[in-house]
Amino acid sequence: MLLTFSNMALTTAPTEPSKLYVIAVLGTLALSFLMTLLAGKIVLPILRAKKVGQIIREDGPQWHMGKSGTPTMGGISFIIPFLVCMVAVAAAFAVKKSEFNLIPFALVVCFAVFNAMIGFIDDRCKLLKKQNEGLTEIQKLILQFVAAGAFIAMMAITGHLDTTLRLPFTSWAPDLGWFAYPVYLLVLVGFVNATNITDGLDGLASSVCAVVAVFMLIFSLSKGFDPYTETGTSFISAALLGGMLGFLIYNFHPAKMFMGDTGSLFLGAVIMGCAVAEGELLLFVLAGFVFVMDMLSSLIQRYYYKLTHGKRLFKMAPVHHHFEKCGWREVQIVALFAAVSLIFCVLAWLGA
């Protein structure tokens, strides 16, 4: 079956997406946006009533203490609309009896949901313990590696994992063979954690993710439409973008609610899931480099502190807190990070 699929794919050249296809993608974006707005209005009072509030760490930025008690786990308000949109897309293609390839589409969605569940467990543990420490670092990593490993394995078994690693700005695409599996595993888990770390200021992770989602949407549409290899990345990107725009209404400074680990781990998984489905791992990492930069600043700070016996390279890590220590306001930092994200997305587009 997979051999037949490959032969058909090779003999079918991608075509320009039809107007109806583009309208459907934009409709998914609009539906996700409107449903997230509505879900936010429903979820926010429930979180307040349940006293599902953010707990600020004692060793964290003390100027954020005023945010203590702000409803968290708000990622539910864009995850549920996202899933509704994905079910609607799958149903629409099934009704049309299109050759739309549901396997990678479904695996990407499942990978995102699995990570959202890890985040949900972590958020619940924090609330039960009444402190900003949920799952241990090891526990979270084990669950994330299981999620990433299962996703990669299923993509490989179903014949949808590309073991070539295309390097942006070059025509070089070495086939890594079996070595591709640990590379994918490490990059996926690392990036998902990067989105989690970036979620530290009002509207930061959601703003940066919205910019990346625009890149993903334009990139997937620009590749054209091949009915035998279409993975639905356009629809996934559109639903992600709509969700981020809708959630920013509640998450922009001063935030009415936070997405929590439930939302931030979900975002990283959606981006990396699409990267694997498109066979463009490094290109998507480049587009989302702001997430990676924030995570690297934390790692550099940690090891620099150990090596120098107490000295710090940044005033506080991750680097968005460094800017706060330098006197920048949250809105300024979010604007800067979104602008830098846009630059890297343009670079990714040029390097495609």
Protein backbone atom coordinates (compact mmCIF):
# COMPACT_ATOMS: atom_id res chain seq x y z
CA MET A 1 0.00 0.00 0.00
CA LEU A 2 2.79 2.38 0.94
CA LEU A 3 4.65 1.54 -2.27
CA THR A 4 1.54 2.31 -4.30
CA PHE A 5 1.14 5.57 -2.43
CA SER A 6 4.76 6.54 -3.16
CA ASN A 7 4.45 5.75 -6.87
CA MET A 8 1.27 7.80 -7.19
CA ALA A 9 2.88 10.69 -5.34
CA LEU A 10 5.86 10.64 -7.66
CA THR A 11 3.71 10.82 -10.75
CA THR A 12 1.54 13.68 -9.49
CA ALA A 13 2.91 17.21 -9.66
CA PRO A 14 1.66 19.67 -7.02
CA THR A 15 -0.86 22.18 -8.35
CA GLU A 16 -1.83 25.64 -7.18
CA PRO A 17 -4.35 25.45 -4.33
CA SER A 18 -7.83 26.15 -5.69
CA LYS A 19 -9.81 29.18 -4.55
CA LEU A 20 -12.16 26.86 -2.70
CA TYR A 21 -9.21 25.29 -0.87
CA VAL A 22 -7.82 28.69 0.16
CA ILE A 23 -11.29 29.84 1.27
CA ALA A 24 -11.59 26.66 3.37
CA VAL A 25 -8.21 27.36 5.00
CA LEU A 26 -9.15 30.98 5.76
CA GLY A 27 -12.51 29.77 7.03
CA THR A 28 -10.69 27.45 9.43
CA LEU A 29 -8.66 30.44 10.65
CA ALA A 30 -11.80 32.54 11.21
CA LEU A 31 -13.66 29.68 12.91
CA SER A 32 -10.74 28.99 15.26
CA PHE A 33 -10.49 32.70 16.12
CA LEU A 34 -14.21 33.11 16.86
CA MET A 35 -14.45 29.86 18.81
CA THR A 36 -11.39 30.81 20.91
CA LEU A 37 -12.99 34.16 21.74
CA LEU A 38 -16.16 32.36 22.80
CA ALA A 39 -14.29 29.65 24.68
CA GLY A 40 -12.29 32.30 26.54
CA LYS A 41 -15.50 33.91 27.78
CA ILE A 42 -16.66 30.52 29.07
CA VAL A 43 -13.34 29.21 30.43
CA LEU A 44 -12.17 32.39 32.20
CA PRO A 45 -15.00 32.61 34.79
CA ILE A 46 -14.77 28.85 35.39
CA LEU A 47 -11.03 29.09 36.12
CA ARG A 48 -11.69 32.03 38.44
CA ALA A 49 -14.46 30.18 40.26
CA LYS A 50 -12.24 27.10 40.67
CA LYS A 51 -9.40 29.37 41.87
CA VAL A 52 -7.07 27.92 39.22
CA GLY A 53 -4.56 30.71 39.71
CA GLN A 54 -0.91 31.12 38.74
CA ILE A 55 1.60 30.71 41.58
CA ILE A 56 4.76 32.81 41.26
CA ARG A 57 8.02 31.13 42.25
CA GLU A 58 9.90 32.62 45.17
CA ASP A 59 13.13 32.60 43.15
CA GLY A 60 11.36 34.07 40.11
CA PRO A 61 10.89 37.72 39.15
CA GLN A 62 9.44 39.31 42.27
CA TRP A 63 7.87 42.16 40.28
CA HIS A 64 5.48 39.52 38.92
CA MET A 65 4.05 38.79 42.37
CA GLY A 66 1.05 40.95 41.48
CA LYS A 67 0.14 38.34 38.85
CA SER A 68 -0.24 35.63 41.48
CA GLY A 69 -3.74 34.22 41.29
CA THR A 70 -4.28 35.09 37.63
CA PRO A 71 -6.14 32.12 36.09
CA THR A 72 -3.85 29.64 34.40
CA MET A 73 -4.47 26.55 32.21
CA GLY A 74 -6.14 28.97 29.78
CA GLY A 75 -4.64 26.99 26.91
CA ILE A 76 -7.83 24.96 27.02
CA SER A 77 -9.61 27.93 25.43
CA PHE A 78 -7.67 27.54 22.16
CA ILE A 79 -6.97 23.79 22.27
CA ILE A 80 -10.64 22.80 22.20
CA PRO A 81 -11.48 25.12 19.23
CA PHE A 82 -8.37 23.80 17.46
CA LEU A 83 -9.57 20.22 17.86
CA VAL A 84 -13.09 21.10 16.73
CA CYS A 85 -11.62 22.67 13.58
CA MET A 86 -9.45 19.62 12.91
CA VAL A 87 -12.43 17.27 13.24
CA ALA A 88 -14.42 19.51 10.89
CA VAL A 89 -11.60 19.52 8.32
CA ALA A 90 -11.21 15.73 8.45
CA ALA A 91 -14.98 15.26 8.15
CA ALA A 92 -15.21 17.66 5.20
CA PHE A 93 -12.50 15.83 3.27
CA ALA A 94 -14.08 12.48 4.12
CA VAL A 95 -17.47 13.64 2.81
CA LYS A 96 -15.85 14.88 -0.42
CA LYS A 97 -14.01 11.55 -0.66
CA SER A 98 -10.84 13.49 -1.39
CA GLU A 99 -7.40 11.87 -1.51
CA PHE A 100 -6.47 14.01 1.52
CA ASN A 101 -3.87 12.08 3.54
CA LEU A 102 -5.33 11.78 7.03
CA ILE A 103 -2.54 9.72 8.59
CA PRO A 104 0.15 12.42 9.15
CA PHE A 105 -2.62 14.95 9.80
CA ALA A 106 -4.06 12.80 12.60
CA LEU A 107 -0.62 11.98 14.02
CA VAL A 108 0.33 15.65 14.28
CA VAL A 109 -2.92 16.41 16.11
CA CYS A 110 -2.43 13.43 18.45
CA PHE A 111 1.16 14.49 19.19
CA ALA A 112 -0.07 17.98 20.12
CA VAL A 113 -2.85 16.60 22.33
CA PHE A 114 -0.44 14.22 24.09
CA ASN A 115 1.82 17.16 24.98
CA ALA A 116 -1.17 19.23 26.10
CA MET A 117 -2.08 16.36 28.45
CA ILE A 118 1.46 16.39 29.87
CA GLY A 119 1.10 20.13 30.45
CA PHE A 120 -2.33 19.63 32.02
CA ILE A 121 -0.93 17.06 34.48
CA ASP A 122 1.92 19.45 35.31
CA ASP A 123 -0.47 22.37 35.87
CA ARG A 124 -2.73 20.23 38.07
CA CYS A 125 0.23 19.11 40.18
CA LYS A 126 1.24 22.73 40.72
CA LEU A 127 -2.25 23.65 41.86
CA LEU A 128 -2.50 20.66 44.19
CA LYS A 129 0.90 21.43 45.72
CA LYS A 130 0.07 25.17 45.89
CA GLN A 131 3.49 26.02 44.40
CA ASN A 132 5.00 26.63 40.99
CA GLU A 133 6.58 23.16 40.85
CA GLY A 134 4.52 20.42 39.24
CA LEU A 135 6.05 17.34 37.66
CA THR A 136 9.77 16.95 38.25
CA GLU A 137 12.09 17.75 35.37
CA ILE A 138 12.82 14.05 34.86
CA GLN A 139 9.15 13.05 34.94
CA LYS A 140 8.23 15.68 32.37
CA LEU A 141 11.13 14.74 30.08
CA ILE A 142 10.26 11.04 30.21
CA LEU A 143 6.66 11.77 29.19
CA GLN A 144 7.82 14.14 26.44
CA PHE A 145 10.27 11.60 25.04
CA VAL A 146 7.51 8.97 25.07
CA ALA A 147 5.20 11.34 23.16
CA ALA A 148 7.88 12.31 20.63
CA GLY A 149 9.08 8.72 20.26
CA ALA A 150 5.57 7.42 19.61
CA PHE A 151 4.93 10.18 17.06
CA ILE A 152 8.19 9.55 15.18
CA ALA A 153 7.67 5.79 15.26
CA MET A 154 4.13 6.03 13.85
CA MET A 155 5.24 8.47 11.16
CA ALA A 156 8.00 6.04 10.17
CA ILE A 157 5.80 2.93 10.27
CA THR A 158 3.17 4.58 8.06
CA GLY A 159 5.83 5.74 5.60
CA HIS A 160 5.53 9.47 6.30
CA LEU A 161 8.89 10.19 7.95
CA ASP A 162 11.53 11.80 5.73
CA THR A 163 14.99 10.85 7.00
CA THR A 164 16.71 13.47 4.85
CA LEU A 165 17.66 16.63 6.74
CA ARG A 166 17.41 19.61 4.41
CA LEU A 167 19.68 22.49 5.35
CA PRO A 168 18.21 26.00 4.79
CA PHE A 169 20.00 28.20 2.21
CA THR A 170 21.64 25.17 0.62
CA SER A 171 20.70 22.34 -1.71
CA TRP A 172 22.34 19.86 0.66
CA ALA A 173 19.93 17.29 2.09
CA PRO A 174 21.87 14.36 3.59
CA ASP A 175 19.95 11.17 4.25
CA LEU A 176 20.61 10.41 7.92
CA GLY A 177 19.07 6.96 7.79
CA TRP A 178 18.48 5.52 11.26
CA PHE A 179 20.45 8.41 12.79
CA ALA A 180 17.51 10.64 11.87
CA TYR A 181 15.39 9.14 14.65
CA PRO A 182 17.47 10.37 17.64
CA VAL A 183 17.96 13.71 15.86
CA TYR A 184 14.20 14.15 15.43
CA LEU A 185 13.61 13.00 19.00
CA LEU A 186 16.02 15.50 20.56
CA VAL A 187 14.89 18.42 18.39
CA LEU A 188 11.19 17.78 19.04
CA VAL A 189 11.55 17.51 22.81
CA GLY A 190 13.94 20.47 22.94
CA PHE A 191 11.66 22.73 20.91
CA VAL A 192 8.54 21.81 22.89
CA ASN A 193 10.37 22.77 26.09
CA ALA A 194 11.53 25.98 24.43
CA THR A 195 7.96 27.15 23.86
CA ASN A 196 7.24 26.32 27.49
CA ILE A 197 10.14 28.43 28.75
CA THR A 198 9.18 31.38 26.52
CA ASP A 199 5.75 31.56 28.13
CA GLY A 200 6.94 33.92 30.87
CA LEU A 201 5.42 37.31 29.99
CA ASP A 202 1.92 38.46 29.12
CA GLY A 203 1.31 37.64 25.47
CA LEU A 204 4.90 36.60 24.73
CA ALA A 205 4.52 32.96 23.69
CA SER A 206 1.19 33.58 21.96
CA SER A 207 2.55 36.58 19.99
CA VAL A 208 5.69 34.77 18.83
CA CYS A 209 3.66 31.66 17.98
CA ALA A 210 1.19 33.76 15.95
CA VAL A 211 4.09 35.06 13.83
CA VAL A 212 5.44 31.54 13.32
CA ALA A 213 1.94 30.31 12.44
CA VAL A 214 1.72 32.94 9.68
CA PHE A 215 4.99 31.61 8.24
CA MET A 216 3.73 28.03 8.46
CA LEU A 217 0.49 28.95 6.72
CA ILE A 218 2.15 30.84 3.86
CA PHE A 219 4.82 28.15 3.46
CA SER A 220 2.32 25.29 3.29
CA LEU A 221 0.10 27.12 0.78
CA SER A 222 3.09 28.08 -1.38
CA LYS A 223 4.07 24.43 -1.83
CA GLY A 224 0.96 23.84 -3.89
CA PHE A 225 -1.55 21.06 -3.54
CA ASP A 226 -0.80 17.41 -4.21
CA PRO A 227 -3.85 15.23 -3.40
CA TYR A 228 -1.68 12.20 -2.66
CA THR A 229 0.76 13.86 -0.24
CA GLU A 230 -1.41 16.62 1.23
CA THR A 231 -1.03 16.49 5.03
CA GLY A 232 -3.34 19.33 6.02
CA THR A 233 -0.56 21.54 7.39
CA SER A 234 -2.35 24.57 5.93
CA PHE A 235 -5.44 23.84 8.02
CA ILE A 236 -3.40 23.09 11.14
CA SER A 237 -1.47 26.35 10.73
CA ALA A 238 -4.67 28.31 10.12
CA ALA A 239 -6.34 26.88 13.24
CA LEU A 240 -3.20 27.61 15.28
CA LEU A 241 -3.06 31.21 14.03
CA GLY A 242 -6.75 31.79 14.71
CA GLY A 243 -6.36 30.37 18.20
CA MET A 244 -3.39 32.59 19.00
CA LEU A 245 -5.13 35.75 17.77
CA GLY A 246 -8.21 34.90 19.80
CA PHE A 247 -6.24 34.01 22.93
CA LEU A 248 -4.21 37.23 22.75
CA ILE A 249 -7.41 39.12 23.61
CA TYR A 250 -7.20 37.50 27.05
CA ASN A 251 -3.45 37.04 27.29
CA PHE A 252 -2.08 40.41 26.17
CA HIS A 253 -0.77 42.70 28.94
CA PRO A 254 -2.30 42.92 31.47
CA ALA A 255 -3.20 39.26 31.04
CA LYS A 256 -6.62 38.09 32.20
CA MET A 257 -5.40 34.48 32.01
CA PHE A 258 -2.30 32.47 31.19
CA MET A 259 -2.07 29.46 28.88
CA GLY A 260 -0.10 27.39 31.41
CA ASP A 261 1.99 24.36 30.48
CA THR A 262 -1.22 22.92 29.00
CA GLY A 263 -1.07 25.53 26.25
CA SER A 264 2.66 26.14 25.84
CA LEU A 265 3.59 22.46 25.38
CA PHE A 266 0.72 22.14 22.91
CA LEU A 267 2.07 25.02 20.80
CA GLY A 268 5.56 23.55 20.51
CA ALA A 269 4.14 20.16 19.56
CA VAL A 270 1.93 21.63 16.81
CA ILE A 271 4.88 23.49 15.26
CA MET A 272 7.24 20.51 15.43
CA GLY A 273 4.53 18.09 14.28
CA CYS A 274 4.02 20.18 11.16
CA ALA A 275 7.79 20.41 10.68
CA VAL A 276 8.06 16.62 10.58
CA ALA A 277 4.97 16.25 8.36
CA GLU A 278 6.43 18.76 5.88
CA GLY A 279 9.90 17.21 6.06
CA GLU A 280 11.39 20.60 6.94
CA LEU A 281 12.66 20.20 10.51
CA LEU A 282 15.51 22.74 10.42
CA LEU A 283 13.48 25.29 8.46
CA PHE A 284 10.74 25.34 11.10
CA VAL A 285 13.32 25.51 13.89
CA LEU A 286 14.82 28.55 12.16
CA ALA A 287 11.37 30.16 11.90
CA GLY A 288 10.81 29.53 15.62
CA PHE A 289 14.33 30.48 16.67
CA VAL A 290 13.05 33.02 19.22
CA PHE A 291 11.75 30.08 21.26
CA VAL A 292 15.11 28.33 20.93
CA MET A 293 16.99 31.52 21.86
CA ASP A 294 14.99 31.89 25.08
CA MET A 295 15.69 28.28 26.04
CA LEU A 296 19.39 28.56 25.21
CA SER A 297 19.68 31.62 27.44
CA SER A 298 18.44 29.52 30.38
CA LEU A 299 20.85 26.68 29.63
CA ILE A 300 23.80 29.05 29.15
CA GLN A 301 22.95 30.84 32.41
CA ARG A 302 22.73 27.56 34.31
CA TYR A 303 26.09 26.19 33.15
CA TYR A 304 27.85 29.56 33.30
CA TYR A 305 26.69 29.89 36.91
CA LYS A 306 28.15 26.47 37.74
CA LEU A 307 31.42 26.99 35.90
CA THR A 308 32.07 30.43 37.41
CA HIS A 309 30.85 29.43 40.90
CA GLY A 310 28.00 31.89 41.20
CA LYS A 311 28.49 34.46 38.44
CA ARG A 312 25.67 35.26 36.00
CA LEU A 313 25.92 36.03 32.31
CA PHE A 314 22.40 37.51 32.24
CA LYS A 315 20.77 39.53 34.98
CA MET A 316 18.07 36.86 34.98
CA ALA A 317 17.24 33.97 32.69
CA PRO A 318 15.49 33.26 30.40
CA VAL A 319 16.55 36.33 28.47
CA HIS A 320 13.10 37.99 28.45
CA HIS A 321 13.53 38.48 32.23
CA HIS A 322 16.98 39.98 31.55
CA PHE A 323 15.30 42.72 29.54
CA GLU A 324 12.86 43.29 32.40
CA LYS A 325 15.80 43.70 34.78
CA CYS A 326 17.19 46.27 32.34
CA GLY A 327 14.02 48.34 32.75
CA TRP A 328 12.04 47.28 29.68
CA ARG A 329 8.27 47.02 30.00
CA GLU A 330 6.52 43.76 29.12
CA VAL A 331 4.81 45.24 26.07
CA GLN A 332 8.16 46.45 24.72
CA ILE A 333 9.77 43.03 25.19
CA VAL A 334 6.85 41.24 23.52
CA ALA A 335 7.02 43.66 20.58
CA LEU A 336 10.77 43.11 20.26
CA PHE A 337 10.51 39.33 20.38
CA ALA A 338 7.65 39.32 17.86
CA ALA A 339 9.70 41.54 15.53
CA VAL A 340 12.76 39.27 15.87
CA SER A 341 10.50 36.29 15.23
CA LEU A 342 9.27 37.95 12.04
CA ILE A 343 12.87 38.44 10.89
CA PHE A 344 13.68 34.77 11.44
CA CYS A 345 10.51 33.73 9.64
CA VAL A 346 11.58 35.84 6.64
CA LEU A 347 15.01 34.20 6.81
CA ALA A 348 13.35 30.79 6.89
CA TRP A 349 11.28 31.73 3.86
CA LEU A 350 14.41 32.83 1.99
CA GLY A 351 16.22 29.69 3.06
CA ALA A 352 13.46 27.34 1.93
